[in-house]
Amino acid sequence: MGTAVVAVLIVLWGYYLGFRARHTLPVGVLISLGVTQLLAHGMTAPLREMTSAARAMARGDYSRRVRSTSRDEVGELALAFNRMAADLAAVDRQRREFVANVSHELRTPISALRAVLENVADGVTPATPEVIESALGQTERLGRLVTQLLDLSRVDAGAVPLDLMPFSADLFVSEVVSEIRAGHPEGRFVLDVPSGLTVVADRDRLHQVLANLLDNAVRHSPPGGVVSVLARPAQDGRPDHGLVLEVADEGPGIPPAERARVFERFTRGVTATAPDGGTGLGLAIVKWVVELHGGRIAVVDSPYGCRIRVQIPGGTS
């Protein structure tokens, strides 16, 4: 259509100047075709850039972006392509960081366990109960890491059903605390859970939440420090729905600027009481389980130590 209009205008302009149509029509057609070609080249330039960028992505280069100043469908496509490229670059970076972090976390206990076993095998170190306990500790650390990695694989798969059922919150908290106390006999625990409180949740998943929080609290508490566990109905205007669970320690606490990051993968808190900082996966799994229930988790203000609050929706009575 544009080509025909340009050709007609040139013919009329030539007729006004005294030129015949057989002379001006071919010139008008050629000029209009040139203009059309120029416009088409500009319109398809982002598409050619997308093709080139897509080929670069296939080779693992996610830094390419498409330039487009138009606001038509091609411009919107270019913007969507750039967003996709940025997302792919972020995923690739996270994948590389994940592999590097997992390799580091696996190498540390394996190296320690190998050193202990080599010393025992060479006769340098006798197989005393202390040495065997040290090797067992590294083995348990490997087991925890593998379990947490399996949980994270389920997180990424995004298909984890919840087995929701009502159960007694006070008995549940007492059982989990007893398990943690068996592994940390030096820990001191104070429970504030009203009797008769019932929560509707996945018991096994909620066990992961409380066990991880208690384990972190014990490891970051000073010798003789107290770990407090509090549970109560939600105070959101519907006291018959939801459960609030808090775990607090007497450790150094978490600065406000770092409170959101503690739930990211491989973010570890290293303190004098917990020099290894753990694997950095426990709180990430806790956050996943809480959000799987539709709840919320956060580090809240506390006069001392660290206090983590979990809110689980669902029927309570």
C-alpha atoms as a PDB file:
ATOM      1  CA  MET A   1       0.000   0.000   0.000  1.00  0.00           C
ATOM      2  CA  GLY A   2       2.769   2.426   0.950  1.00  0.00           C
ATOM      3  CA  THR A   3       4.658   1.579  -2.252  1.00  0.00           C
ATOM      4  CA  ALA A   4       1.619   2.377  -4.413  1.00  0.00           C
ATOM      5  CA  VAL A   5       0.994   5.682  -2.613  1.00  0.00           C
ATOM      6  CA  VAL A   6       4.612   6.816  -3.056  1.00  0.00           C
ATOM      7  CA  ALA A   7       4.551   5.833  -6.736  1.00  0.00           C
ATOM      8  CA  VAL A   8       1.290   7.740  -7.371  1.00  0.00           C
ATOM      9  CA  LEU A   9       2.600  10.849  -5.583  1.00  0.00           C
ATOM     10  CA  ILE A  10       5.774  10.849  -7.674  1.00  0.00           C
ATOM     11  CA  VAL A  11       3.752  10.435 -10.888  1.00  0.00           C
ATOM     12  CA  LEU A  12       1.513  13.353  -9.950  1.00  0.00           C
ATOM     13  CA  TRP A  13       4.506  15.469  -8.982  1.00  0.00           C
ATOM     14  CA  GLY A  14       6.179  14.653 -12.317  1.00  0.00           C
ATOM     15  CA  TYR A  15       2.992  15.473 -14.200  1.00  0.00           C
ATOM     16  CA  TYR A  16       2.916  18.836 -12.390  1.00  0.00           C
ATOM     17  CA  LEU A  17       6.491  19.477 -13.542  1.00  0.00           C
ATOM     18  CA  GLY A  18       5.712  18.430 -17.109  1.00  0.00           C
ATOM     19  CA  PHE A  19       7.083  14.886 -17.144  1.00  0.00           C
ATOM     20  CA  ARG A  20       5.111  12.064 -18.700  1.00  0.00           C
ATOM     21  CA  ALA A  21       3.888   9.126 -16.555  1.00  0.00           C
ATOM     22  CA  ARG A  22       6.002   6.621 -18.527  1.00  0.00           C
ATOM     23  CA  HIS A  23       9.074   8.451 -17.239  1.00  0.00           C
ATOM     24  CA  THR A  24       8.020   9.171 -13.658  1.00  0.00           C
ATOM     25  CA  LEU A  25       6.254   5.863 -12.893  1.00  0.00           C
ATOM     26  CA  PRO A  26       9.398   3.634 -12.998  1.00  0.00           C
ATOM     27  CA  VAL A  27      11.287   6.195 -10.916  1.00  0.00           C
ATOM     28  CA  GLY A  28       8.447   6.312  -8.383  1.00  0.00           C
ATOM     29  CA  VAL A  29       8.304   2.538  -8.185  1.00  0.00           C
ATOM     30  CA  LEU A  30      12.065   2.285  -7.637  1.00  0.00           C
ATOM     31  CA  ILE A  31      12.067   4.980  -4.961  1.00  0.00           C
ATOM     32  CA  SER A  32       9.082   3.439  -3.169  1.00  0.00           C
ATOM     33  CA  LEU A  33      10.712   0.002  -3.256  1.00  0.00           C
ATOM     34  CA  GLY A  34      13.879   1.498  -1.758  1.00  0.00           C
ATOM     35  CA  VAL A  35      11.887   3.157   1.020  1.00  0.00           C
ATOM     36  CA  THR A  36      10.027  -0.100   1.669  1.00  0.00           C
ATOM     37  CA  GLN A  37      13.280  -2.029   1.815  1.00  0.00           C
ATOM     38  CA  LEU A  38      14.731   0.480   4.270  1.00  0.00           C
ATOM     39  CA  LEU A  39      11.652   0.300   6.507  1.00  0.00           C
ATOM     40  CA  ALA A  40      11.588  -3.494   6.357  1.00  0.00           C
ATOM     41  CA  HIS A  41      15.268  -3.655   7.280  1.00  0.00           C
ATOM     42  CA  GLY A  42      14.660  -1.474  10.322  1.00  0.00           C
ATOM     43  CA  MET A  43      11.625  -3.468  11.388  1.00  0.00           C
ATOM     44  CA  THR A  44      13.346  -6.834  11.114  1.00  0.00           C
ATOM     45  CA  ALA A  45      16.635  -5.744  12.715  1.00  0.00           C
ATOM     46  CA  PRO A  46      15.494  -6.792  16.221  1.00  0.00           C
ATOM     47  CA  LEU A  47      14.452 -10.174  14.844  1.00  0.00           C
ATOM     48  CA  ARG A  48      17.905 -10.701  13.346  1.00  0.00           C
ATOM     49  CA  GLU A  49      19.470  -9.669  16.658  1.00  0.00           C
ATOM     50  CA  MET A  50      17.228 -12.147  18.470  1.00  0.00           C
ATOM     51  CA  THR A  51      18.361 -14.903  16.136  1.00  0.00           C
ATOM     52  CA  SER A  52      21.996 -14.070  16.770  1.00  0.00           C
ATOM     53  CA  ALA A  53      21.444 -13.796  20.537  1.00  0.00           C
ATOM     54  CA  ALA A  54      19.556 -17.112  20.610  1.00  0.00           C
ATOM     55  CA  ARG A  55      22.483 -18.816  18.887  1.00  0.00           C
ATOM     56  CA  ALA A  56      24.841 -17.265  21.447  1.00  0.00           C
ATOM     57  CA  MET A  57      22.607 -18.576  24.278  1.00  0.00           C
ATOM     58  CA  ALA A  58      22.789 -22.048  22.777  1.00  0.00           C
ATOM     59  CA  ARG A  59      26.575 -21.786  23.225  1.00  0.00           C
ATOM     60  CA  GLY A  60      26.164 -20.673  26.858  1.00  0.00           C
ATOM     61  CA  ASP A  61      26.524 -16.910  26.388  1.00  0.00           C
ATOM     62  CA  TYR A  62      23.622 -15.190  28.167  1.00  0.00           C
ATOM     63  CA  SER A  63      25.046 -11.667  28.037  1.00  0.00           C
ATOM     64  CA  ARG A  64      23.551 -10.709  24.661  1.00  0.00           C
ATOM     65  CA  ARG A  65      20.613  -8.298  24.587  1.00  0.00           C
ATOM     66  CA  VAL A  66      18.368  -6.992  21.795  1.00  0.00           C
ATOM     67  CA  ARG A  67      18.097  -3.258  21.050  1.00  0.00           C
ATOM     68  CA  SER A  68      14.686  -1.949  20.044  1.00  0.00           C
ATOM     69  CA  THR A  69      13.181   1.538  20.252  1.00  0.00           C
ATOM     70  CA  SER A  70       9.810   0.745  18.699  1.00  0.00           C
ATOM     71  CA  ARG A  71       6.641   0.280  20.721  1.00  0.00           C
ATOM     72  CA  ASP A  72       4.940  -2.138  18.371  1.00  0.00           C
ATOM     73  CA  GLU A  73       4.714  -5.926  18.634  1.00  0.00           C
ATOM     74  CA  VAL A  74       8.356  -6.325  17.608  1.00  0.00           C
ATOM     75  CA  GLY A  75       9.431  -3.949  20.385  1.00  0.00           C
ATOM     76  CA  GLU A  76       7.386  -5.870  22.955  1.00  0.00           C
ATOM     77  CA  LEU A  77       8.913  -9.093  21.699  1.00  0.00           C
ATOM     78  CA  ALA A  78      12.407  -7.612  22.113  1.00  0.00           C
ATOM     79  CA  LEU A  79      11.629  -6.583  25.699  1.00  0.00           C
ATOM     80  CA  ALA A  80      10.282 -10.049  26.494  1.00  0.00           C
ATOM     81  CA  PHE A  81      13.373 -11.596  24.922  1.00  0.00           C
ATOM     82  CA  ASN A  82      15.670  -9.449  27.073  1.00  0.00           C
ATOM     83  CA  ARG A  83      13.759 -10.406  30.216  1.00  0.00           C
ATOM     84  CA  MET A  84      14.069 -14.068  29.278  1.00  0.00           C
ATOM     85  CA  ALA A  85      17.804 -13.652  28.653  1.00  0.00           C
ATOM     86  CA  ALA A  86      18.261 -11.991  32.056  1.00  0.00           C
ATOM     87  CA  ASP A  87      16.317 -14.792  33.773  1.00  0.00           C
ATOM     88  CA  LEU A  88      18.373 -17.455  32.011  1.00  0.00           C
ATOM     89  CA  ALA A  89      21.588 -15.666  32.991  1.00  0.00           C
ATOM     90  CA  ALA A  90      20.465 -15.572  36.631  1.00  0.00           C
ATOM     91  CA  VAL A  91      19.543 -19.269  36.573  1.00  0.00           C
ATOM     92  CA  ASP A  92      22.876 -20.172  35.006  1.00  0.00           C
ATOM     93  CA  ARG A  93      24.746 -18.120  37.619  1.00  0.00           C
ATOM     94  CA  GLN A  94      22.791 -19.766  40.438  1.00  0.00           C
ATOM     95  CA  ARG A  95      23.501 -23.191  38.951  1.00  0.00           C
ATOM     96  CA  ARG A  96      27.243 -22.511  38.862  1.00  0.00           C
ATOM     97  CA  GLU A  97      27.207 -21.159  42.414  1.00  0.00           C
ATOM     98  CA  PHE A  98      25.173 -24.144  43.575  1.00  0.00           C
ATOM     99  CA  VAL A  99      27.620 -26.641  42.062  1.00  0.00           C
ATOM    100  CA  ALA A 100      30.589 -24.784  43.543  1.00  0.00           C
ATOM    101  CA  ASN A 101      28.984 -24.592  46.992  1.00  0.00           C
ATOM    102  CA  VAL A 102      27.924 -28.242  46.999  1.00  0.00           C
ATOM    103  CA  SER A 103      31.418 -29.287  45.932  1.00  0.00           C
ATOM    104  CA  HIS A 104      32.905 -27.270  48.780  1.00  0.00           C
ATOM    105  CA  GLU A 105      30.447 -28.604  51.350  1.00  0.00           C
ATOM    106  CA  LEU A 106      31.085 -32.202  50.284  1.00  0.00           C
ATOM    107  CA  ARG A 107      34.850 -31.802  50.123  1.00  0.00           C
ATOM    108  CA  THR A 108      35.191 -30.523  53.716  1.00  0.00           C
ATOM    109  CA  PRO A 109      33.745 -33.538  55.606  1.00  0.00           C
ATOM    110  CA  ILE A 110      35.149 -36.016  53.090  1.00  0.00           C
ATOM    111  CA  SER A 111      38.659 -34.611  53.520  1.00  0.00           C
ATOM    112  CA  ALA A 112      38.355 -34.678  57.315  1.00  0.00           C
ATOM    113  CA  LEU A 113      36.966 -38.211  57.296  1.00  0.00           C
ATOM    114  CA  ARG A 114      39.702 -39.397  54.929  1.00  0.00           C
ATOM    115  CA  ALA A 115      42.409 -37.894  57.124  1.00  0.00           C
ATOM    116  CA  VAL A 116      41.048 -39.633  60.225  1.00  0.00           C
ATOM    117  CA  LEU A 117      40.733 -42.997  58.489  1.00  0.00           C
ATOM    118  CA  GLU A 118      44.196 -42.749  56.897  1.00  0.00           C
ATOM    119  CA  ASN A 119      45.763 -42.015  60.278  1.00  0.00           C
ATOM    120  CA  VAL A 120      43.966 -44.978  61.824  1.00  0.00           C
ATOM    121  CA  ALA A 121      44.884 -47.279  58.925  1.00  0.00           C
ATOM    122  CA  ASP A 122      48.569 -46.228  59.038  1.00  0.00           C
ATOM    123  CA  GLY A 123      48.731 -46.692  62.780  1.00  0.00           C
ATOM    124  CA  VAL A 124      49.515 -43.032  63.377  1.00  0.00           C
ATOM    125  CA  THR A 125      46.380 -42.577  65.446  1.00  0.00           C
ATOM    126  CA  PRO A 126      44.888 -45.350  67.556  1.00  0.00           C
ATOM    127  CA  ALA A 127      41.216 -46.126  67.017  1.00  0.00           C
ATOM    128  CA  THR A 128      40.111 -44.586  70.289  1.00  0.00           C
ATOM    129  CA  PRO A 129      36.453 -43.761  71.001  1.00  0.00           C
ATOM    130  CA  GLU A 130      37.257 -40.084  70.459  1.00  0.00           C
ATOM    131  CA  VAL A 131      38.689 -40.764  66.988  1.00  0.00           C
ATOM    132  CA  ILE A 132      35.762 -42.973  66.026  1.00  0.00           C
ATOM    133  CA  GLU A 133      33.355 -40.306  67.306  1.00  0.00           C
ATOM    134  CA  SER A 134      35.108 -37.693  65.167  1.00  0.00           C
ATOM    135  CA  ALA A 135      34.763 -39.886  62.076  1.00  0.00           C
ATOM    136  CA  LEU A 136      31.127 -40.557  62.936  1.00  0.00           C
ATOM    137  CA  GLY A 137      30.500 -36.829  63.249  1.00  0.00           C
ATOM    138  CA  GLN A 138      31.828 -36.202  59.746  1.00  0.00           C
ATOM    139  CA  THR A 139      29.727 -39.080  58.419  1.00  0.00           C
ATOM    140  CA  GLU A 140      26.620 -37.634  60.049  1.00  0.00           C
ATOM    141  CA  ARG A 141      27.419 -34.254  58.520  1.00  0.00           C
ATOM    142  CA  LEU A 142      27.610 -35.885  55.093  1.00  0.00           C
ATOM    143  CA  GLY A 143      24.294 -37.614  55.731  1.00  0.00           C
ATOM    144  CA  ARG A 144      22.620 -34.331  56.711  1.00  0.00           C
ATOM    145  CA  LEU A 145      23.988 -32.623  53.621  1.00  0.00           C
ATOM    146  CA  VAL A 146      22.747 -35.377  51.302  1.00  0.00           C
ATOM    147  CA  THR A 147      19.310 -35.290  52.951  1.00  0.00           C
ATOM    148  CA  GLN A 148      19.141 -31.516  52.559  1.00  0.00           C
ATOM    149  CA  LEU A 149      20.198 -31.712  48.912  1.00  0.00           C
ATOM    150  CA  LEU A 150      17.441 -34.245  48.274  1.00  0.00           C
ATOM    151  CA  ASP A 151      14.966 -31.858  49.902  1.00  0.00           C
ATOM    152  CA  LEU A 152      16.201 -29.039  47.689  1.00  0.00           C
ATOM    153  CA  SER A 153      15.748 -31.219  44.605  1.00  0.00           C
ATOM    154  CA  ARG A 154      12.117 -31.631  45.649  1.00  0.00           C
ATOM    155  CA  VAL A 155      11.889 -27.859  46.082  1.00  0.00           C
ATOM    156  CA  ASP A 156      13.109 -27.294  42.540  1.00  0.00           C
ATOM    157  CA  ALA A 157      10.785 -29.986  41.201  1.00  0.00           C
ATOM    158  CA  GLY A 158       7.890 -28.104  42.788  1.00  0.00           C
ATOM    159  CA  ALA A 159       5.744 -31.204  43.249  1.00  0.00           C
ATOM    160  CA  VAL A 160       5.650 -32.044  46.945  1.00  0.00           C
ATOM    161  CA  PRO A 161       2.206 -32.922  48.308  1.00  0.00           C
ATOM    162  CA  LEU A 162       1.331 -32.070  51.881  1.00  0.00           C
ATOM    163  CA  ASP A 163      -0.213 -34.659  54.172  1.00  0.00           C
ATOM    164  CA  LEU A 164      -2.303 -32.297  56.273  1.00  0.00           C
ATOM    165  CA  MET A 165      -3.742 -33.614  59.511  1.00  0.00           C
ATOM    166  CA  PRO A 166      -4.623 -32.223  62.946  1.00  0.00           C
ATOM    167  CA  PHE A 167      -2.252 -33.059  65.802  1.00  0.00           C
ATOM    168  CA  SER A 168      -1.392 -31.811  69.252  1.00  0.00           C
ATOM    169  CA  ALA A 169       1.095 -28.940  69.109  1.00  0.00           C
ATOM    170  CA  ASP A 170       2.320 -29.326  72.692  1.00  0.00           C
ATOM    171  CA  LEU A 171       3.093 -33.026  72.328  1.00  0.00           C
ATOM    172  CA  PHE A 172       4.691 -32.410  68.951  1.00  0.00           C
ATOM    173  CA  VAL A 173       6.995 -29.689  70.289  1.00  0.00           C
ATOM    174  CA  SER A 174       7.969 -31.851  73.275  1.00  0.00           C
ATOM    175  CA  GLU A 175       8.890 -34.765  71.010  1.00  0.00           C
ATOM    176  CA  VAL A 176      11.051 -32.663  68.712  1.00  0.00           C
ATOM    177  CA  VAL A 177      12.801 -30.971  71.630  1.00  0.00           C
ATOM    178  CA  SER A 178      13.525 -34.399  73.153  1.00  0.00           C
ATOM    179  CA  GLU A 179      15.151 -35.534  69.909  1.00  0.00           C
ATOM    180  CA  ILE A 180      17.318 -32.413  69.708  1.00  0.00           C
ATOM    181  CA  ARG A 181      18.248 -32.700  73.390  1.00  0.00           C
ATOM    182  CA  ALA A 182      19.480 -36.259  72.752  1.00  0.00           C
ATOM    183  CA  GLY A 183      21.855 -34.950  70.091  1.00  0.00           C
ATOM    184  CA  HIS A 184      22.828 -31.864  72.102  1.00  0.00           C
ATOM    185  CA  PRO A 185      22.862 -32.924  75.765  1.00  0.00           C
ATOM    186  CA  GLU A 186      24.528 -29.637  76.664  1.00  0.00           C
ATOM    187  CA  GLY A 187      21.536 -27.647  75.424  1.00  0.00           C
ATOM    188  CA  ARG A 188      19.012 -26.071  77.779  1.00  0.00           C
ATOM    189  CA  PHE A 189      15.440 -25.735  76.533  1.00  0.00           C
ATOM    190  CA  VAL A 190      12.480 -23.771  77.882  1.00  0.00           C
ATOM    191  CA  LEU A 191       9.054 -24.555  76.420  1.00  0.00           C
ATOM    192  CA  ASP A 192       6.023 -22.278  76.476  1.00  0.00           C
ATOM    193  CA  VAL A 193       3.307 -24.217  74.663  1.00  0.00           C
ATOM    194  CA  PRO A 194      -0.295 -24.230  75.946  1.00  0.00           C
ATOM    195  CA  SER A 195      -1.857 -27.630  76.384  1.00  0.00           C
ATOM    196  CA  GLY A 196      -4.715 -28.524  74.093  1.00  0.00           C
ATOM    197  CA  LEU A 197      -3.346 -26.483  71.186  1.00  0.00           C
ATOM    198  CA  THR A 198      -3.945 -28.335  67.913  1.00  0.00           C
ATOM    199  CA  VAL A 199      -2.486 -27.496  64.530  1.00  0.00           C
ATOM    200  CA  VAL A 200      -3.439 -28.737  61.062  1.00  0.00           C
ATOM    201  CA  ALA A 201      -0.253 -29.279  59.054  1.00  0.00           C
ATOM    202  CA  ASP A 202       2.056 -31.880  57.550  1.00  0.00           C
ATOM    203  CA  ARG A 203       3.631 -33.347  60.687  1.00  0.00           C
ATOM    204  CA  ASP A 204       6.818 -34.602  59.015  1.00  0.00           C
ATOM    205  CA  ARG A 205       7.437 -31.315  57.224  1.00  0.00           C
ATOM    206  CA  LEU A 206       6.731 -29.262  60.339  1.00  0.00           C
ATOM    207  CA  HIS A 207       9.173 -31.549  62.158  1.00  0.00           C
ATOM    208  CA  GLN A 208      11.828 -30.423  59.647  1.00  0.00           C
ATOM    209  CA  VAL A 209      11.059 -26.807  60.448  1.00  0.00           C
ATOM    210  CA  LEU A 210      11.267 -27.074  64.223  1.00  0.00           C
ATOM    211  CA  ALA A 211      14.236 -29.469  64.232  1.00  0.00           C
ATOM    212  CA  ASN A 212      16.282 -27.193  61.962  1.00  0.00           C
ATOM    213  CA  LEU A 213      15.434 -24.112  64.020  1.00  0.00           C
ATOM    214  CA  LEU A 214      16.308 -25.839  67.288  1.00  0.00           C
ATOM    215  CA  ASP A 215      19.548 -27.254  65.908  1.00  0.00           C
ATOM    216  CA  ASN A 216      20.606 -23.796  64.706  1.00  0.00           C
ATOM    217  CA  ALA A 217      19.640 -22.224  68.023  1.00  0.00           C
ATOM    218  CA  VAL A 218      21.659 -24.726  70.059  1.00  0.00           C
ATOM    219  CA  ARG A 219      24.747 -24.423  67.856  1.00  0.00           C
ATOM    220  CA  HIS A 220      24.735 -20.616  68.016  1.00  0.00           C
ATOM    221  CA  SER A 221      24.009 -20.372  71.738  1.00  0.00           C
ATOM    222  CA  PRO A 222      26.858 -19.893  74.222  1.00  0.00           C
ATOM    223  CA  PRO A 223      27.668 -22.670  76.710  1.00  0.00           C
ATOM    224  CA  GLY A 224      24.834 -22.831  79.191  1.00  0.00           C
ATOM    225  CA  GLY A 225      22.628 -20.690  76.964  1.00  0.00           C
ATOM    226  CA  VAL A 226      18.882 -21.254  76.938  1.00  0.00           C
ATOM    227  CA  VAL A 227      16.849 -22.028  73.820  1.00  0.00           C
ATOM    228  CA  SER A 228      13.236 -20.907  74.157  1.00  0.00           C
ATOM    229  CA  VAL A 229      10.357 -22.470  72.227  1.00  0.00           C
ATOM    230  CA  LEU A 230       7.011 -20.669  72.178  1.00  0.00           C
ATOM    231  CA  ALA A 231       3.775 -21.681  70.454  1.00  0.00           C
ATOM    232  CA  ARG A 232       0.416 -19.955  70.490  1.00  0.00           C
ATOM    233  CA  PRO A 233      -2.669 -19.454  68.317  1.00  0.00           C
ATOM    234  CA  ALA A 234      -2.391 -16.777  65.664  1.00  0.00           C
ATOM    235  CA  GLN A 235      -3.325 -13.258  66.769  1.00  0.00           C
ATOM    236  CA  ASP A 236      -4.605 -12.032  63.433  1.00  0.00           C
ATOM    237  CA  GLY A 237      -8.209 -11.468  64.361  1.00  0.00           C
ATOM    238  CA  ARG A 238      -9.041 -15.162  63.948  1.00  0.00           C
ATOM    239  CA  PRO A 239      -7.588 -16.820  67.034  1.00  0.00           C
ATOM    240  CA  ASP A 240      -9.116 -20.175  66.079  1.00  0.00           C
ATOM    241  CA  HIS A 241      -6.973 -20.316  62.944  1.00  0.00           C
ATOM    242  CA  GLY A 242      -3.236 -20.487  62.497  1.00  0.00           C
ATOM    243  CA  LEU A 243      -0.248 -21.261  64.679  1.00  0.00           C
ATOM    244  CA  VAL A 244       2.637 -19.020  65.668  1.00  0.00           C
ATOM    245  CA  LEU A 245       5.860 -20.823  66.532  1.00  0.00           C
ATOM    246  CA  GLU A 246       8.946 -19.023  67.827  1.00  0.00           C
ATOM    247  CA  VAL A 247      12.444 -20.287  68.568  1.00  0.00           C
ATOM    248  CA  ALA A 248      14.877 -17.956  70.350  1.00  0.00           C
ATOM    249  CA  ASP A 249      18.477 -18.374  71.483  1.00  0.00           C
ATOM    250  CA  GLU A 250      20.964 -16.345  73.508  1.00  0.00           C
ATOM    251  CA  GLY A 251      23.609 -16.151  70.805  1.00  0.00           C
ATOM    252  CA  PRO A 252      25.013 -13.078  69.044  1.00  0.00           C
ATOM    253  CA  GLY A 253      21.875 -12.580  66.972  1.00  0.00           C
ATOM    254  CA  ILE A 254      21.533 -11.539  63.344  1.00  0.00           C
ATOM    255  CA  PRO A 255      21.970  -7.922  62.188  1.00  0.00           C
ATOM    256  CA  PRO A 256      18.790  -6.455  60.624  1.00  0.00           C
ATOM    257  CA  ALA A 257      20.534  -5.987  57.266  1.00  0.00           C
ATOM    258  CA  GLU A 258      21.279  -9.718  57.029  1.00  0.00           C
ATOM    259  CA  ARG A 259      17.985 -11.134  58.293  1.00  0.00           C
ATOM    260  CA  ALA A 260      16.469 -11.700  54.853  1.00  0.00           C
ATOM    261  CA  ARG A 261      19.615 -13.391  53.526  1.00  0.00           C
ATOM    262  CA  VAL A 262      19.766 -16.091  56.194  1.00  0.00           C
ATOM    263  CA  PHE A 263      16.995 -17.972  54.369  1.00  0.00           C
ATOM    264  CA  GLU A 264      18.959 -18.077  51.110  1.00  0.00           C
ATOM    265  CA  ARG A 265      20.816 -21.213  50.117  1.00  0.00           C
ATOM    266  CA  PHE A 266      24.373 -21.609  51.417  1.00  0.00           C
ATOM    267  CA  THR A 267      24.181 -18.510  53.583  1.00  0.00           C
ATOM    268  CA  ARG A 268      25.971 -19.558  56.742  1.00  0.00           C
ATOM    269  CA  GLY A 269      26.307 -17.780  60.051  1.00  0.00           C
ATOM    270  CA  VAL A 270      29.763 -18.340  61.505  1.00  0.00           C
ATOM    271  CA  THR A 271      30.154 -17.552  65.187  1.00  0.00           C
ATOM    272  CA  ALA A 272      32.469 -18.515  67.990  1.00  0.00           C
ATOM    273  CA  THR A 273      29.941 -21.086  69.174  1.00  0.00           C
ATOM    274  CA  ALA A 274      29.334 -22.474  65.678  1.00  0.00           C
ATOM    275  CA  PRO A 275      32.603 -22.014  63.759  1.00  0.00           C
ATOM    276  CA  ASP A 276      31.567 -24.173  60.810  1.00  0.00           C
ATOM    277  CA  GLY A 277      28.303 -22.285  60.311  1.00  0.00           C
ATOM    278  CA  GLY A 278      26.487 -25.446  59.218  1.00  0.00           C
ATOM    279  CA  THR A 279      25.766 -26.298  55.602  1.00  0.00           C
ATOM    280  CA  GLY A 280      23.783 -23.158  54.845  1.00  0.00           C
ATOM    281  CA  LEU A 281      20.824 -25.230  53.610  1.00  0.00           C
ATOM    282  CA  GLY A 282      18.738 -25.761  56.746  1.00  0.00           C
ATOM    283  CA  LEU A 283      16.998 -22.387  56.850  1.00  0.00           C
ATOM    284  CA  ALA A 284      16.408 -22.466  53.088  1.00  0.00           C
ATOM    285  CA  ILE A 285      14.550 -25.753  53.558  1.00  0.00           C
ATOM    286  CA  VAL A 286      12.668 -24.322  56.548  1.00  0.00           C
ATOM    287  CA  LYS A 287      11.497 -21.367  54.453  1.00  0.00           C
ATOM    288  CA  TRP A 288      10.391 -23.711  51.685  1.00  0.00           C
ATOM    289  CA  VAL A 289       8.336 -25.895  54.060  1.00  0.00           C
ATOM    290  CA  VAL A 290       6.706 -22.879  55.691  1.00  0.00           C
ATOM    291  CA  GLU A 291       5.778 -21.347  52.334  1.00  0.00           C
ATOM    292  CA  LEU A 292       4.554 -24.759  51.170  1.00  0.00           C
ATOM    293  CA  HIS A 293       2.001 -24.511  53.989  1.00  0.00           C
ATOM    294  CA  GLY A 294       1.139 -20.971  52.873  1.00  0.00           C
ATOM    295  CA  GLY A 295       2.817 -19.514  55.945  1.00  0.00           C
ATOM    296  CA  ARG A 296       5.510 -16.950  56.690  1.00  0.00           C
ATOM    297  CA  ILE A 297       8.868 -17.011  58.428  1.00  0.00           C
ATOM    298  CA  ALA A 298      11.056 -14.126  59.536  1.00  0.00           C
ATOM    299  CA  VAL A 299      13.735 -13.079  61.989  1.00  0.00           C
ATOM    300  CA  VAL A 300      12.050 -10.718  64.452  1.00  0.00           C
ATOM    301  CA  ASP A 301      13.435  -8.212  66.907  1.00  0.00           C
ATOM    302  CA  SER A 302      14.669  -9.574  70.204  1.00  0.00           C
ATOM    303  CA  PRO A 303      16.434  -7.930  73.180  1.00  0.00           C
ATOM    304  CA  TYR A 304      19.219 -10.497  72.791  1.00  0.00           C
ATOM    305  CA  GLY A 305      20.087 -13.446  70.604  1.00  0.00           C
ATOM    306  CA  CYS A 306      18.106 -14.499  67.550  1.00  0.00           C
ATOM    307  CA  ARG A 307      14.348 -15.030  67.464  1.00  0.00           C
ATOM    308  CA  ILE A 308      12.717 -16.682  64.442  1.00  0.00           C
ATOM    309  CA  ARG A 309       8.952 -16.593  64.079  1.00  0.00           C
ATOM    310  CA  VAL A 310       6.967 -19.042  61.983  1.00  0.00           C
ATOM    311  CA  GLN A 311       3.294 -18.518  61.152  1.00  0.00           C
ATOM    312  CA  ILE A 312       1.400 -21.555  59.866  1.00  0.00           C
ATOM    313  CA  PRO A 313      -2.160 -21.009  58.614  1.00  0.00           C
ATOM    314  CA  GLY A 314      -4.832 -23.642  58.993  1.00  0.00           C
ATOM    315  CA  GLY A 315      -7.328 -24.699  61.618  1.00  0.00           C
ATOM    316  CA  THR A 316      -6.258 -24.718  65.247  1.00  0.00           C
ATOM    317  CA  SER A 317      -8.385 -25.244  68.312  1.00  0.00           C
END
